PDB file of N, CA and C in Angstrom:
ATOM      1  N   MET A   1      -8.330   4.682  -8.612  1.00  0.00           N
ATOM      2  CA  MET A   1      -8.423   5.481  -7.412  1.00  0.00           C
ATOM      3  C   MET A   1      -7.024   5.927  -7.003  1.00  0.00           C
ATOM      4  N   GLN A   2      -6.839   7.218  -6.898  1.00  0.00           N
ATOM      5  CA  GLN A   2      -5.554   7.780  -6.492  1.00  0.00           C
ATOM      6  C   GLN A   2      -5.533   7.935  -4.979  1.00  0.00           C
ATOM      7  N   ILE A   3      -4.525   7.373  -4.355  1.00  0.00           N
ATOM      8  CA  ILE A   3      -4.355   7.496  -2.910  1.00  0.00           C
ATOM      9  C   ILE A   3      -2.987   8.114  -2.671  1.00  0.00           C
ATOM     10  N   SER A   4      -2.980   9.210  -1.934  1.00  0.00           N
ATOM     11  CA  SER A   4      -1.723   9.915  -1.660  1.00  0.00           C
ATOM     12  C   SER A   4      -0.856   9.104  -0.705  1.00  0.00           C
ATOM     13  N   GLU A   5       0.391   9.534  -0.573  1.00  0.00           N
ATOM     14  CA  GLU A   5       1.317   8.852   0.345  1.00  0.00           C
ATOM     15  C   GLU A   5       0.780   8.916   1.773  1.00  0.00           C
ATOM     16  N   ALA A   6       0.253  10.065   2.190  1.00  0.00           N
ATOM     17  CA  ALA A   6      -0.304  10.211   3.536  1.00  0.00           C
ATOM     18  C   ALA A   6      -1.521   9.303   3.723  1.00  0.00           C
ATOM     19  N   GLU A   7      -2.383   9.268   2.733  1.00  0.00           N
ATOM     20  CA  GLU A   7      -3.563   8.404   2.807  1.00  0.00           C
ATOM     21  C   GLU A   7      -3.161   6.932   2.853  1.00  0.00           C
ATOM     22  N   SER A   8      -2.105   6.581   2.146  1.00  0.00           N
ATOM     23  CA  SER A   8      -1.666   5.184   2.153  1.00  0.00           C
ATOM     24  C   SER A   8      -1.156   4.770   3.536  1.00  0.00           C
ATOM     25  N   ALA A   9      -0.596   5.702   4.303  1.00  0.00           N
ATOM     26  CA  ALA A   9      -0.166   5.388   5.670  1.00  0.00           C
ATOM     27  C   ALA A   9      -1.375   5.025   6.529  1.00  0.00           C
ATOM     28  N   VAL A  10      -2.458   5.754   6.350  1.00  0.00           N
ATOM     29  CA  VAL A  10      -3.696   5.455   7.078  1.00  0.00           C
ATOM     30  C   VAL A  10      -4.253   4.104   6.622  1.00  0.00           C
ATOM     31  N   MET A  11      -4.231   3.872   5.321  1.00  0.00           N
ATOM     32  CA  MET A  11      -4.721   2.596   4.798  1.00  0.00           C
ATOM     33  C   MET A  11      -3.923   1.430   5.350  1.00  0.00           C
ATOM     34  N   GLU A  12      -2.605   1.573   5.441  1.00  0.00           N
ATOM     35  CA  GLU A  12      -1.766   0.491   5.976  1.00  0.00           C
ATOM     36  C   GLU A  12      -2.205   0.108   7.387  1.00  0.00           C
ATOM     37  N   VAL A  13      -2.529   1.106   8.204  1.00  0.00           N
ATOM     38  CA  VAL A  13      -3.006   0.827   9.561  1.00  0.00           C
ATOM     39  C   VAL A  13      -4.315   0.050   9.499  1.00  0.00           C
ATOM     40  N   LEU A  14      -5.226   0.495   8.635  1.00  0.00           N
ATOM     41  CA  LEU A  14      -6.527  -0.176   8.528  1.00  0.00           C
ATOM     42  C   LEU A  14      -6.406  -1.562   7.911  1.00  0.00           C
ATOM     43  N   TRP A  15      -5.466  -1.756   6.998  1.00  0.00           N
ATOM     44  CA  TRP A  15      -5.274  -3.091   6.427  1.00  0.00           C
ATOM     45  C   TRP A  15      -4.737  -4.047   7.477  1.00  0.00           C
ATOM     46  N   GLN A  16      -3.971  -3.550   8.422  1.00  0.00           N
ATOM     47  CA  GLN A  16      -3.406  -4.415   9.462  1.00  0.00           C
ATOM     48  C   GLN A  16      -4.426  -4.757  10.537  1.00  0.00           C
ATOM     49  N   ARG A  17      -5.221  -3.765  10.944  1.00  0.00           N
ATOM     50  CA  ARG A  17      -6.218  -3.966  12.006  1.00  0.00           C
ATOM     51  C   ARG A  17      -7.465  -3.187  11.634  1.00  0.00           C
ATOM     52  N   GLN A  18      -8.589  -3.829  11.751  1.00  0.00           N
ATOM     53  CA  GLN A  18      -9.844  -3.171  11.413  1.00  0.00           C
ATOM     54  C   GLN A  18     -10.985  -3.817  12.141  1.00  0.00           C
ATOM     55  N   PRO A  19     -12.065  -3.154  12.355  1.00  0.00           N
ATOM     56  CA  PRO A  19     -12.264  -1.718  12.175  1.00  0.00           C
ATOM     57  C   PRO A  19     -11.614  -0.958  13.327  1.00  0.00           C
ATOM     58  N   LEU A  20     -11.293   0.305  13.072  1.00  0.00           N
ATOM     59  CA  LEU A  20     -10.669   1.162  14.072  1.00  0.00           C
ATOM     60  C   LEU A  20     -11.367   2.515  14.119  1.00  0.00           C
ATOM     61  N   ALA A  21     -11.386   3.096  15.301  1.00  0.00           N
ATOM     62  CA  ALA A  21     -11.864   4.471  15.462  1.00  0.00           C
ATOM     63  C   ALA A  21     -10.741   5.413  15.054  1.00  0.00           C
ATOM     64  N   ALA A  22     -11.074   6.658  14.770  1.00  0.00           N
ATOM     65  CA  ALA A  22     -10.074   7.643  14.367  1.00  0.00           C
ATOM     66  C   ALA A  22      -8.972   7.759  15.409  1.00  0.00           C
ATOM     67  N   GLU A  23      -9.323   7.717  16.686  1.00  0.00           N
ATOM     68  CA  GLU A  23      -8.323   7.823  17.751  1.00  0.00           C
ATOM     69  C   GLU A  23      -7.341   6.657  17.704  1.00  0.00           C
ATOM     70  N   GLU A  24      -7.839   5.482  17.344  1.00  0.00           N
ATOM     71  CA  GLU A  24      -6.974   4.298  17.266  1.00  0.00           C
ATOM     72  C   GLU A  24      -6.027   4.387  16.067  1.00  0.00           C
ATOM     73  N   VAL A  25      -6.521   4.915  14.962  1.00  0.00           N
ATOM     74  CA  VAL A  25      -5.662   5.123  13.788  1.00  0.00           C
ATOM     75  C   VAL A  25      -4.580   6.134  14.149  1.00  0.00           C
ATOM     76  N   PHE A  26      -4.976   7.222  14.798  1.00  0.00           N
ATOM     77  CA  PHE A  26      -4.018   8.239  15.232  1.00  0.00           C
ATOM     78  C   PHE A  26      -2.959   7.636  16.147  1.00  0.00           C
ATOM     79  N   ALA A  27      -3.375   6.838  17.112  1.00  0.00           N
ATOM     80  CA  ALA A  27      -2.436   6.210  18.049  1.00  0.00           C
ATOM     81  C   ALA A  27      -1.446   5.304  17.318  1.00  0.00           C
ATOM     82  N   ALA A  28      -1.931   4.583  16.313  1.00  0.00           N
ATOM     83  CA  ALA A  28      -1.057   3.677  15.556  1.00  0.00           C
ATOM     84  C   ALA A  28      -0.027   4.449  14.732  1.00  0.00           C
ATOM     85  N   LEU A  29      -0.379   5.660  14.310  1.00  0.00           N
ATOM     86  CA  LEU A  29       0.513   6.457  13.466  1.00  0.00           C
ATOM     87  C   LEU A  29       1.400   7.425  14.252  1.00  0.00           C
ATOM     88  N   ARG A  30       1.094   7.640  15.503  1.00  0.00           N
ATOM     89  CA  ARG A  30       1.770   8.655  16.314  1.00  0.00           C
ATOM     90  C   ARG A  30       3.283   8.488  16.330  1.00  0.00           C
ATOM     91  N   ALA A  31       3.775   7.278  16.435  1.00  0.00           N
ATOM     92  CA  ALA A  31       5.221   7.057  16.529  1.00  0.00           C
ATOM     93  C   ALA A  31       5.948   7.332  15.212  1.00  0.00           C
ATOM     94  N   SER A  32       5.285   7.089  14.094  1.00  0.00           N
ATOM     95  CA  SER A  32       5.962   7.207  12.802  1.00  0.00           C
ATOM     96  C   SER A  32       5.661   8.512  12.061  1.00  0.00           C
ATOM     97  N   ARG A  33       4.634   9.230  12.471  1.00  0.00           N
ATOM     98  CA  ARG A  33       4.231  10.458  11.778  1.00  0.00           C
ATOM     99  C   ARG A  33       4.087  11.599  12.780  1.00  0.00           C
ATOM    100  N   ASP A  34       4.442  12.764  12.357  1.00  0.00           N
ATOM    101  CA  ASP A  34       4.299  13.948  13.202  1.00  0.00           C
ATOM    102  C   ASP A  34       2.974  14.634  12.881  1.00  0.00           C
ATOM    103  N   TRP A  35       1.892  13.898  13.050  1.00  0.00           N
ATOM    104  CA  TRP A  35       0.567  14.393  12.730  1.00  0.00           C
ATOM    105  C   TRP A  35      -0.235  14.602  14.001  1.00  0.00           C
ATOM    106  N   GLN A  36      -1.192  15.510  13.898  1.00  0.00           N
ATOM    107  CA  GLN A  36      -2.160  15.706  14.963  1.00  0.00           C
ATOM    108  C   GLN A  36      -3.411  14.899  14.614  1.00  0.00           C
ATOM    109  N   GLU A  37      -4.245  14.667  15.604  1.00  0.00           N
ATOM    110  CA  GLU A  37      -5.457  13.876  15.369  1.00  0.00           C
ATOM    111  C   GLU A  37      -6.367  14.467  14.288  1.00  0.00           C
ATOM    112  N   PRO A  38      -6.533  15.800  14.211  1.00  0.00           N
ATOM    113  CA  PRO A  38      -7.371  16.350  13.123  1.00  0.00           C
ATOM    114  C   PRO A  38      -6.835  15.997  11.724  1.00  0.00           C
ATOM    115  N   THR A  39      -5.527  15.868  11.587  1.00  0.00           N
ATOM    116  CA  THR A  39      -4.944  15.474  10.294  1.00  0.00           C
ATOM    117  C   THR A  39      -5.403  14.076   9.924  1.00  0.00           C
ATOM    118  N   VAL A  40      -5.362  13.167  10.880  1.00  0.00           N
ATOM    119  CA  VAL A  40      -5.797  11.785  10.632  1.00  0.00           C
ATOM    120  C   VAL A  40      -7.278  11.761  10.274  1.00  0.00           C
ATOM    121  N   LYS A  41      -8.077  12.551  10.968  1.00  0.00           N
ATOM    122  CA  LYS A  41      -9.516  12.596  10.662  1.00  0.00           C
ATOM    123  C   LYS A  41      -9.761  13.143   9.256  1.00  0.00           C
ATOM    124  N   THR A  42      -8.970  14.133   8.856  1.00  0.00           N
ATOM    125  CA  THR A  42      -9.084  14.669   7.490  1.00  0.00           C
ATOM    126  C   THR A  42      -8.753  13.593   6.468  1.00  0.00           C
ATOM    127  N   LEU A  43      -7.683  12.845   6.717  1.00  0.00           N
ATOM    128  CA  LEU A  43      -7.300  11.769   5.791  1.00  0.00           C
ATOM    129  C   LEU A  43      -8.370  10.680   5.733  1.00  0.00           C
ATOM    130  N   LEU A  44      -8.951  10.343   6.877  1.00  0.00           N
ATOM    131  CA  LEU A  44     -10.038   9.363   6.894  1.00  0.00           C
ATOM    132  C   LEU A  44     -11.227   9.864   6.073  1.00  0.00           C
ATOM    133  N   ASN A  45     -11.555  11.138   6.199  1.00  0.00           N
ATOM    134  CA  ASN A  45     -12.666  11.694   5.420  1.00  0.00           C
ATOM    135  C   ASN A  45     -12.374  11.677   3.927  1.00  0.00           C
ATOM    136  N   ARG A  46     -11.146  11.974   3.550  1.00  0.00           N
ATOM    137  CA  ARG A  46     -10.774  11.906   2.128  1.00  0.00           C
ATOM    138  C   ARG A  46     -10.946  10.488   1.601  1.00  0.00           C
ATOM    139  N   LEU A  47     -10.479   9.517   2.390  1.00  0.00           N
ATOM    140  CA  LEU A  47     -10.585   8.117   1.973  1.00  0.00           C
ATOM    141  C   LEU A  47     -12.042   7.666   1.889  1.00  0.00           C
ATOM    142  N   LEU A  48     -12.861   8.178   2.782  1.00  0.00           N
ATOM    143  CA  LEU A  48     -14.305   7.888   2.717  1.00  0.00           C
ATOM    144  C   LEU A  48     -14.905   8.411   1.416  1.00  0.00           C
ATOM    145  N   LYS A  49     -14.587   9.654   1.062  1.00  0.00           N
ATOM    146  CA  LYS A  49     -15.120  10.265  -0.156  1.00  0.00           C
ATOM    147  C   LYS A  49     -14.657   9.532  -1.403  1.00  0.00           C
ATOM    148  N   LYS A  50     -13.456   8.979  -1.363  1.00  0.00           N
ATOM    149  CA  LYS A  50     -12.928   8.235  -2.506  1.00  0.00           C
ATOM    150  C   LYS A  50     -13.501   6.820  -2.588  1.00  0.00           C
ATOM    151  N   GLY A  51     -14.150   6.368  -1.518  1.00  0.00           N
ATOM    152  CA  GLY A  51     -14.707   5.017  -1.508  1.00  0.00           C
ATOM    153  C   GLY A  51     -13.685   3.951  -1.161  1.00  0.00           C
ATOM    154  N   ALA A  52     -12.562   4.356  -0.581  1.00  0.00           N
ATOM    155  CA  ALA A  52     -11.519   3.394  -0.205  1.00  0.00           C
ATOM    156  C   ALA A  52     -11.808   2.733   1.132  1.00  0.00           C
ATOM    157  N   ILE A  53     -12.584   3.418   1.985  1.00  0.00           N
ATOM    158  CA  ILE A  53     -12.938   2.883   3.297  1.00  0.00           C
ATOM    159  C   ILE A  53     -14.416   3.113   3.556  1.00  0.00           C
ATOM    160  N   ARG A  54     -14.920   2.459   4.586  1.00  0.00           N
ATOM    161  CA  ARG A  54     -16.294   2.681   5.027  1.00  0.00           C
ATOM    162  C   ARG A  54     -16.265   3.054   6.499  1.00  0.00           C
ATOM    163  N   ALA A  55     -17.293   3.747   6.932  1.00  0.00           N
ATOM    164  CA  ALA A  55     -17.431   4.136   8.333  1.00  0.00           C
ATOM    165  C   ALA A  55     -18.734   3.561   8.872  1.00  0.00           C
ATOM    166  N   THR A  56     -18.640   2.940  10.017  1.00  0.00           N
ATOM    167  CA  THR A  56     -19.817   2.371  10.674  1.00  0.00           C
ATOM    168  C   THR A  56     -19.970   3.058  12.026  1.00  0.00           C
ATOM    169  N   ARG A  57     -21.144   3.602  12.253  1.00  0.00           N
ATOM    170  CA  ARG A  57     -21.390   4.297  13.512  1.00  0.00           C
ATOM    171  C   ARG A  57     -21.475   3.282  14.645  1.00  0.00           C
ATOM    172  N   GLU A  58     -20.737   3.577  15.694  1.00  0.00           N
ATOM    173  CA  GLU A  58     -20.753   2.722  16.881  1.00  0.00           C
ATOM    174  C   GLU A  58     -20.860   3.633  18.101  1.00  0.00           C
ATOM    175  N   GLY A  59     -22.061   3.779  18.608  1.00  0.00           N
ATOM    176  CA  GLY A  59     -22.274   4.717  19.710  1.00  0.00           C
ATOM    177  C   GLY A  59     -22.076   6.141  19.220  1.00  0.00           C
ATOM    178  N   ARG A  60     -21.133   6.852  19.870  1.00  0.00           N
ATOM    179  CA  ARG A  60     -20.893   8.248  19.518  1.00  0.00           C
ATOM    180  C   ARG A  60     -19.729   8.426  18.552  1.00  0.00           C
ATOM    181  N   ARG A  61     -19.156   7.349  18.079  1.00  0.00           N
ATOM    182  CA  ARG A  61     -18.016   7.473  17.169  1.00  0.00           C
ATOM    183  C   ARG A  61     -18.174   6.537  15.979  1.00  0.00           C
ATOM    184  N   TYR A  62     -17.285   6.699  15.036  1.00  0.00           N
ATOM    185  CA  TYR A  62     -17.274   5.860  13.841  1.00  0.00           C
ATOM    186  C   TYR A  62     -16.071   4.921  13.895  1.00  0.00           C
ATOM    187  N   ARG A  63     -16.269   3.751  13.311  1.00  0.00           N
ATOM    188  CA  ARG A  63     -15.172   2.797  13.156  1.00  0.00           C
ATOM    189  C   ARG A  63     -14.963   2.632  11.649  1.00  0.00           C
ATOM    190  N   TYR A  64     -13.712   2.639  11.255  1.00  0.00           N
ATOM    191  CA  TYR A  64     -13.343   2.645   9.840  1.00  0.00           C
ATOM    192  C   TYR A  64     -12.731   1.307   9.445  1.00  0.00           C
ATOM    193  N   ALA A  65     -13.062   0.893   8.234  1.00  0.00           N
ATOM    194  CA  ALA A  65     -12.514  -0.358   7.686  1.00  0.00           C
ATOM    195  C   ALA A  65     -12.309  -0.167   6.181  1.00  0.00           C
ATOM    196  N   PRO A  66     -11.307  -0.814   5.630  1.00  0.00           N
ATOM    197  CA  PRO A  66     -11.040  -0.651   4.198  1.00  0.00           C
ATOM    198  C   PRO A  66     -12.065  -1.362   3.325  1.00  0.00           C
ATOM    199  N   LEU A  67     -12.402  -0.726   2.221  1.00  0.00           N
ATOM    200  CA  LEU A  67     -13.169  -1.369   1.156  1.00  0.00           C
ATOM    201  C   LEU A  67     -12.218  -1.796   0.042  1.00  0.00           C
ATOM    202  N   LEU A  68     -11.147  -1.041  -0.104  1.00  0.00           N
ATOM    203  CA  LEU A  68     -10.127  -1.326  -1.102  1.00  0.00           C
ATOM    204  C   LEU A  68      -9.154  -2.352  -0.521  1.00  0.00           C
ATOM    205  N   ALA A  69      -8.987  -3.465  -1.215  1.00  0.00           N
ATOM    206  CA  ALA A  69      -8.052  -4.500  -0.761  1.00  0.00           C
ATOM    207  C   ALA A  69      -6.615  -4.050  -1.038  1.00  0.00           C
ATOM    208  N   ARG A  70      -5.730  -4.338  -0.106  1.00  0.00           N
ATOM    209  CA  ARG A  70      -4.332  -3.946  -0.257  1.00  0.00           C
ATOM    210  C   ARG A  70      -3.734  -4.548  -1.532  1.00  0.00           C
ATOM    211  N   GLU A  71      -4.055  -5.790  -1.813  1.00  0.00           N
ATOM    212  CA  GLU A  71      -3.523  -6.465  -2.991  1.00  0.00           C
ATOM    213  C   GLU A  71      -3.925  -5.751  -4.277  1.00  0.00           C
ATOM    214  N   ASP A  72      -5.162  -5.276  -4.333  1.00  0.00           N
ATOM    215  CA  ASP A  72      -5.638  -4.542  -5.512  1.00  0.00           C
ATOM    216  C   ASP A  72      -4.901  -3.212  -5.659  1.00  0.00           C
ATOM    217  N   TRP A  73      -4.709  -2.519  -4.537  1.00  0.00           N
ATOM    218  CA  TRP A  73      -4.004  -1.237  -4.563  1.00  0.00           C
ATOM    219  C   TRP A  73      -2.552  -1.423  -4.988  1.00  0.00           C
ATOM    220  N   VAL A  74      -1.877  -2.420  -4.417  1.00  0.00           N
ATOM    221  CA  VAL A  74      -0.478  -2.685  -4.774  1.00  0.00           C
ATOM    222  C   VAL A  74      -0.371  -3.046  -6.257  1.00  0.00           C
ATOM    223  N   ALA A  75      -1.288  -3.852  -6.757  1.00  0.00           N
ATOM    224  CA  ALA A  75      -1.259  -4.244  -8.169  1.00  0.00           C
ATOM    225  C   ALA A  75      -1.389  -3.014  -9.072  1.00  0.00           C
ATOM    226  N   ARG A  76      -2.328  -2.126  -8.752  1.00  0.00           N
ATOM    227  CA  ARG A  76      -2.509  -0.916  -9.571  1.00  0.00           C
ATOM    228  C   ARG A  76      -1.302   0.011  -9.487  1.00  0.00           C
ATOM    229  N   GLN A  77      -0.755   0.156  -8.294  1.00  0.00           N
ATOM    230  CA  GLN A  77       0.404   1.021  -8.120  1.00  0.00           C
ATOM    231  C   GLN A  77       1.614   0.483  -8.878  1.00  0.00           C
ATOM    232  N   SER A  78       1.847  -0.812  -8.774  1.00  0.00           N
ATOM    233  CA  SER A  78       3.020  -1.392  -9.434  1.00  0.00           C
ATOM    234  C   SER A  78       2.854  -1.383 -10.954  1.00  0.00           C
ATOM    235  N   GLU A  79       1.654  -1.629 -11.442  1.00  0.00           N
ATOM    236  CA  GLU A  79       1.419  -1.569 -12.883  1.00  0.00           C
ATOM    237  C   GLU A  79       1.622  -0.152 -13.403  1.00  0.00           C
ATOM    238  N   GLY A  80       1.154   0.826 -12.631  1.00  0.00           N
ATOM    239  CA  GLY A  80       1.334   2.227 -13.022  1.00  0.00           C
ATOM    240  C   GLY A  80       2.803   2.619 -13.057  1.00  0.00           C
ATOM    241  N   LEU A  81       3.556   2.184 -12.058  1.00  0.00           N
ATOM    242  CA  LEU A  81       4.987   2.465 -12.014  1.00  0.00           C
ATOM    243  C   LEU A  81       5.700   1.841 -13.212  1.00  0.00           C
ATOM    244  N   LEU A  82       5.399   0.590 -13.486  1.00  0.00           N
ATOM    245  CA  LEU A  82       6.020  -0.085 -14.636  1.00  0.00           C
ATOM    246  C   LEU A  82       5.692   0.635 -15.940  1.00  0.00           C
ATOM    247  N   GLN A  83       4.441   1.033 -16.104  1.00  0.00           N
ATOM    248  CA  GLN A  83       4.032   1.727 -17.329  1.00  0.00           C
ATOM    249  C   GLN A  83       4.746   3.055 -17.472  1.00  0.00           C
ATOM    250  N   ARG A  84       4.727   3.850 -16.399  1.00  0.00           N
ATOM    251  CA  ARG A  84       5.305   5.198 -16.454  1.00  0.00           C
ATOM    252  C   ARG A  84       6.816   5.181 -16.660  1.00  0.00           C
ATOM    253  N   LEU A  85       7.510   4.298 -15.977  1.00  0.00           N
ATOM    254  CA  LEU A  85       8.971   4.362 -15.971  1.00  0.00           C
ATOM    255  C   LEU A  85       9.670   3.359 -16.881  1.00  0.00           C
ATOM    256  N   PHE A  86       9.008   2.218 -17.162  1.00  0.00           N
ATOM    257  CA  PHE A  86       9.690   1.152 -17.882  1.00  0.00           C
ATOM    258  C   PHE A  86       8.878   0.577 -19.033  1.00  0.00           C
ATOM    259  N   ASP A  87       7.965   1.375 -19.561  1.00  0.00           N
ATOM    260  CA  ASP A  87       7.155   0.963 -20.714  1.00  0.00           C
ATOM    261  C   ASP A  87       6.446  -0.368 -20.477  1.00  0.00           C
ATOM    262  N   GLY A  88       6.064  -0.612 -19.222  1.00  0.00           N
ATOM    263  CA  GLY A  88       5.309  -1.816 -18.888  1.00  0.00           C
ATOM    264  C   GLY A  88       6.127  -3.082 -18.771  1.00  0.00           C
ATOM    265  N   ARG A  89       7.453  -2.980 -18.818  1.00  0.00           N
ATOM    266  CA  ARG A  89       8.312  -4.171 -18.797  1.00  0.00           C
ATOM    267  C   ARG A  89       9.016  -4.328 -17.454  1.00  0.00           C
ATOM    268  N   VAL A  90       9.088  -5.556 -16.978  1.00  0.00           N
ATOM    269  CA  VAL A  90       9.701  -5.852 -15.692  1.00  0.00           C
ATOM    270  C   VAL A  90      11.227  -5.925 -15.790  1.00  0.00           C
ATOM    271  N   ALA A  91      11.748  -6.497 -16.863  1.00  0.00           N
ATOM    272  CA  ALA A  91      13.202  -6.683 -16.990  1.00  0.00           C
ATOM    273  C   ALA A  91      13.980  -5.370 -16.847  1.00  0.00           C
ATOM    274  N   PRO A  92      13.557  -4.268 -17.492  1.00  0.00           N
ATOM    275  CA  PRO A  92      14.288  -3.013 -17.291  1.00  0.00           C
ATOM    276  C   PRO A  92      14.233  -2.509 -15.845  1.00  0.00           C
ATOM    277  N   LEU A  93      13.156  -2.796 -15.145  1.00  0.00           N
ATOM    278  CA  LEU A  93      13.057  -2.426 -13.735  1.00  0.00           C
ATOM    279  C   LEU A  93      14.122  -3.161 -12.920  1.00  0.00           C
ATOM    280  N   VAL A  94      14.224  -4.460 -13.116  1.00  0.00           N
ATOM    281  CA  VAL A  94      15.218  -5.261 -12.397  1.00  0.00           C
ATOM    282  C   VAL A  94      16.625  -4.814 -12.792  1.00  0.00           C
ATOM    283  N   ALA A  95      16.832  -4.543 -14.073  1.00  0.00           N
ATOM    284  CA  ALA A  95      18.143  -4.077 -14.542  1.00  0.00           C
ATOM    285  C   ALA A  95      18.502  -2.744 -13.881  1.00  0.00           C
ATOM    286  N   HIS A  96      17.532  -1.872 -13.736  1.00  0.00           N
ATOM    287  CA  HIS A  96      17.761  -0.575 -13.094  1.00  0.00           C
ATOM    288  C   HIS A  96      18.304  -0.768 -11.674  1.00  0.00           C
ATOM    289  N   PHE A  97      17.647  -1.625 -10.899  1.00  0.00           N
ATOM    290  CA  PHE A  97      18.100  -1.853  -9.524  1.00  0.00           C
ATOM    291  C   PHE A  97      19.424  -2.602  -9.492  1.00  0.00           C
ATOM    292  N   SER A  98      19.624  -3.478 -10.426  1.00  0.00           N
ATOM    293  CA  SER A  98      20.880  -4.227 -10.497  1.00  0.00           C
ATOM    294  C   SER A  98      22.051  -3.292 -10.783  1.00  0.00           C
ATOM    295  N   GLN A  99      21.877  -2.384 -11.720  1.00  0.00           N
ATOM    296  CA  GLN A  99      22.943  -1.450 -12.086  1.00  0.00           C
ATOM    297  C   GLN A  99      23.306  -0.519 -10.935  1.00  0.00           C
ATOM    298  N   ARG A 100      22.378  -0.271 -10.073  1.00  0.00           N
ATOM    299  CA  ARG A 100      22.636   0.633  -8.947  1.00  0.00           C
ATOM    300  C   ARG A 100      22.969  -0.128  -7.674  1.00  0.00           C
ATOM    301  N   ARG A 101      23.250  -1.419  -7.827  1.00  0.00           N
ATOM    302  CA  ARG A 101      23.642  -2.278  -6.701  1.00  0.00           C
ATOM    303  C   ARG A 101      22.610  -2.276  -5.573  1.00  0.00           C
ATOM    304  N   LYS A 102      21.347  -2.257  -5.950  1.00  0.00           N
ATOM    305  CA  LYS A 102      20.268  -2.247  -4.966  1.00  0.00           C
ATOM    306  C   LYS A 102      19.664  -3.637  -4.740  1.00  0.00           C
ATOM    307  N   LEU A 103      20.244  -4.649  -5.392  1.00  0.00           N
ATOM    308  CA  LEU A 103      19.752  -6.010  -5.211  1.00  0.00           C
ATOM    309  C   LEU A 103      20.694  -6.734  -4.256  1.00  0.00           C
ATOM    310  N   SER A 104      20.143  -7.213  -3.165  1.00  0.00           N
ATOM    311  CA  SER A 104      20.942  -7.982  -2.211  1.00  0.00           C
ATOM    312  C   SER A 104      21.090  -9.419  -2.727  1.00  0.00           C
ATOM    313  N   ARG A 105      21.964 -10.150  -2.108  1.00  0.00           N
ATOM    314  CA  ARG A 105      22.116 -11.567  -2.457  1.00  0.00           C
ATOM    315  C   ARG A 105      20.779 -12.293  -2.282  1.00  0.00           C
ATOM    316  N   ARG A 106      20.066 -11.942  -1.221  1.00  0.00           N
ATOM    317  CA  ARG A 106      18.758 -12.565  -0.970  1.00  0.00           C
ATOM    318  C   ARG A 106      17.784 -12.219  -2.091  1.00  0.00           C
ATOM    319  N   ASP A 107      17.767 -10.938  -2.546  1.00  0.00           N
ATOM    320  CA  ASP A 107      16.900 -10.531  -3.657  1.00  0.00           C
ATOM    321  C   ASP A 107      17.199 -11.367  -4.902  1.00  0.00           C
ATOM    322  N   ILE A 108      18.483 -11.534  -5.191  1.00  0.00           N
ATOM    323  CA  ILE A 108      18.892 -12.291  -6.381  1.00  0.00           C
ATOM    324  C   ILE A 108      18.425 -13.738  -6.288  1.00  0.00           C
ATOM    325  N   GLU A 109      18.587 -14.342  -5.109  1.00  0.00           N
ATOM    326  CA  GLU A 109      18.121 -15.728  -4.930  1.00  0.00           C
ATOM    327  C   GLU A 109      16.610 -15.839  -5.096  1.00  0.00           C
ATOM    328  N   GLU A 110      15.874 -14.862  -4.570  1.00  0.00           N
ATOM    329  CA  GLU A 110      14.419 -14.878  -4.717  1.00  0.00           C
ATOM    330  C   GLU A 110      14.018 -14.712  -6.178  1.00  0.00           C
ATOM    331  N   LEU A 111      14.729 -13.862  -6.904  1.00  0.00           N
ATOM    332  CA  LEU A 111      14.448 -13.684  -8.335  1.00  0.00           C
ATOM    333  C   LEU A 111      14.724 -14.972  -9.101  1.00  0.00           C
ATOM    334  N   ARG A 112      15.831 -15.621  -8.784  1.00  0.00           N
ATOM    335  CA  ARG A 112      16.134 -16.900  -9.443  1.00  0.00           C
ATOM    336  C   ARG A 112      15.041 -17.931  -9.184  1.00  0.00           C
ATOM    337  N   LYS A 113      14.582 -17.987  -7.943  1.00  0.00           N
ATOM    338  CA  LYS A 113      13.525 -18.930  -7.585  1.00  0.00           C
ATOM    339  C   LYS A 113      12.247 -18.620  -8.364  1.00  0.00           C
ATOM    340  N   LEU A 114      11.878 -17.330  -8.423  1.00  0.00           N
ATOM    341  CA  LEU A 114      10.676 -16.934  -9.162  1.00  0.00           C
ATOM    342  C   LEU A 114      10.780 -17.284 -10.642  1.00  0.00           C
ATOM    343  N   ILE A 115      11.935 -17.026 -11.225  1.00  0.00           N
ATOM    344  CA  ILE A 115      12.131 -17.346 -12.645  1.00  0.00           C
ATOM    345  C   ILE A 115      12.039 -18.842 -12.864  1.00  0.00           C
ATOM    346  N   GLY A 116      12.618 -19.618 -11.952  1.00  0.00           N
ATOM    347  CA  GLY A 116      12.511 -21.072 -12.046  1.00  0.00           C
ATOM    348  C   GLY A 116      11.072 -21.544 -11.973  1.00  0.00           C
ATOM    349  N   GLU A 117      10.304 -20.951 -11.086  1.00  0.00           N
ATOM    350  CA  GLU A 117       8.890 -21.311 -10.954  1.00  0.00           C
ATOM    351  C   GLU A 117       8.113 -20.923 -12.212  1.00  0.00           C
ATOM    352  N   LEU A 118       8.438 -19.761 -12.793  1.00  0.00           N
ATOM    353  CA  LEU A 118       7.778 -19.368 -14.027  1.00  0.00           C
ATOM    354  C   LEU A 118       8.093 -20.329 -15.154  1.00  0.00           C
ATOM    355  N   ASP A 119       9.356 -20.737 -15.237  1.00  0.00           N
ATOM    356  CA  ASP A 119       9.756 -21.708 -16.260  1.00  0.00           C
ATOM    357  C   ASP A 119       9.011 -23.028 -16.076  1.00  0.00           C
ATOM    358  N   ASP A 120       8.873 -23.474 -14.819  1.00  0.00           N
ATOM    359  CA  ASP A 120       8.169 -24.725 -14.527  1.00  0.00           C
ATOM    360  C   ASP A 120       6.691 -24.632 -14.909  1.00  0.00           C
ATOM    361  N   ASP A 121       6.080 -23.469 -14.676  1.00  0.00           N
ATOM    362  CA  ASP A 121       4.658 -23.284 -14.999  1.00  0.00           C
ATOM    363  C   ASP A 121       4.411 -23.299 -16.504  1.00  0.00           C
ATOM    364  N   ARG A 122       5.385 -22.854 -17.268  1.00  0.00           N
ATOM    365  CA  ARG A 122       5.210 -22.773 -18.723  1.00  0.00           C
ATOM    366  C   ARG A 122       5.566 -24.084 -19.424  1.00  0.00           C
ATOM    367  N   ALA A 123       6.204 -24.972 -18.741  1.00  0.00           N
ATOM    368  CA  ALA A 123       6.599 -26.247 -19.353  1.00  0.00           C
ATOM    369  C   ALA A 123       5.446 -27.218 -19.439  1.00  0.00           C
TER     370      ALA A 123
END
């Protein structure tokens, strides 16, 4: 399932709080996006057609909730990025950020911890 950058902003709101009416999604996005309410409703309709969210009628309005789990979406997106840019390998990705000085000291410590945990799991 392909979700555009704009649609992913709507999904992030729904992943954080659900179910929400279109007006509530719009209110949550108002500070970070220069969108009008009809734009948000269009994005919600696109996501409905893709099967990423569901709509439940509540009185005179609909409340929206995700069907697609954020973890599943992130996994597919990251796997696609790795495949497209780094032939499916993680090490070249880390090397890319390292060469461009995009890894903070904290990032490096977290990577060391993860590698240590992986080594422990394989022993």
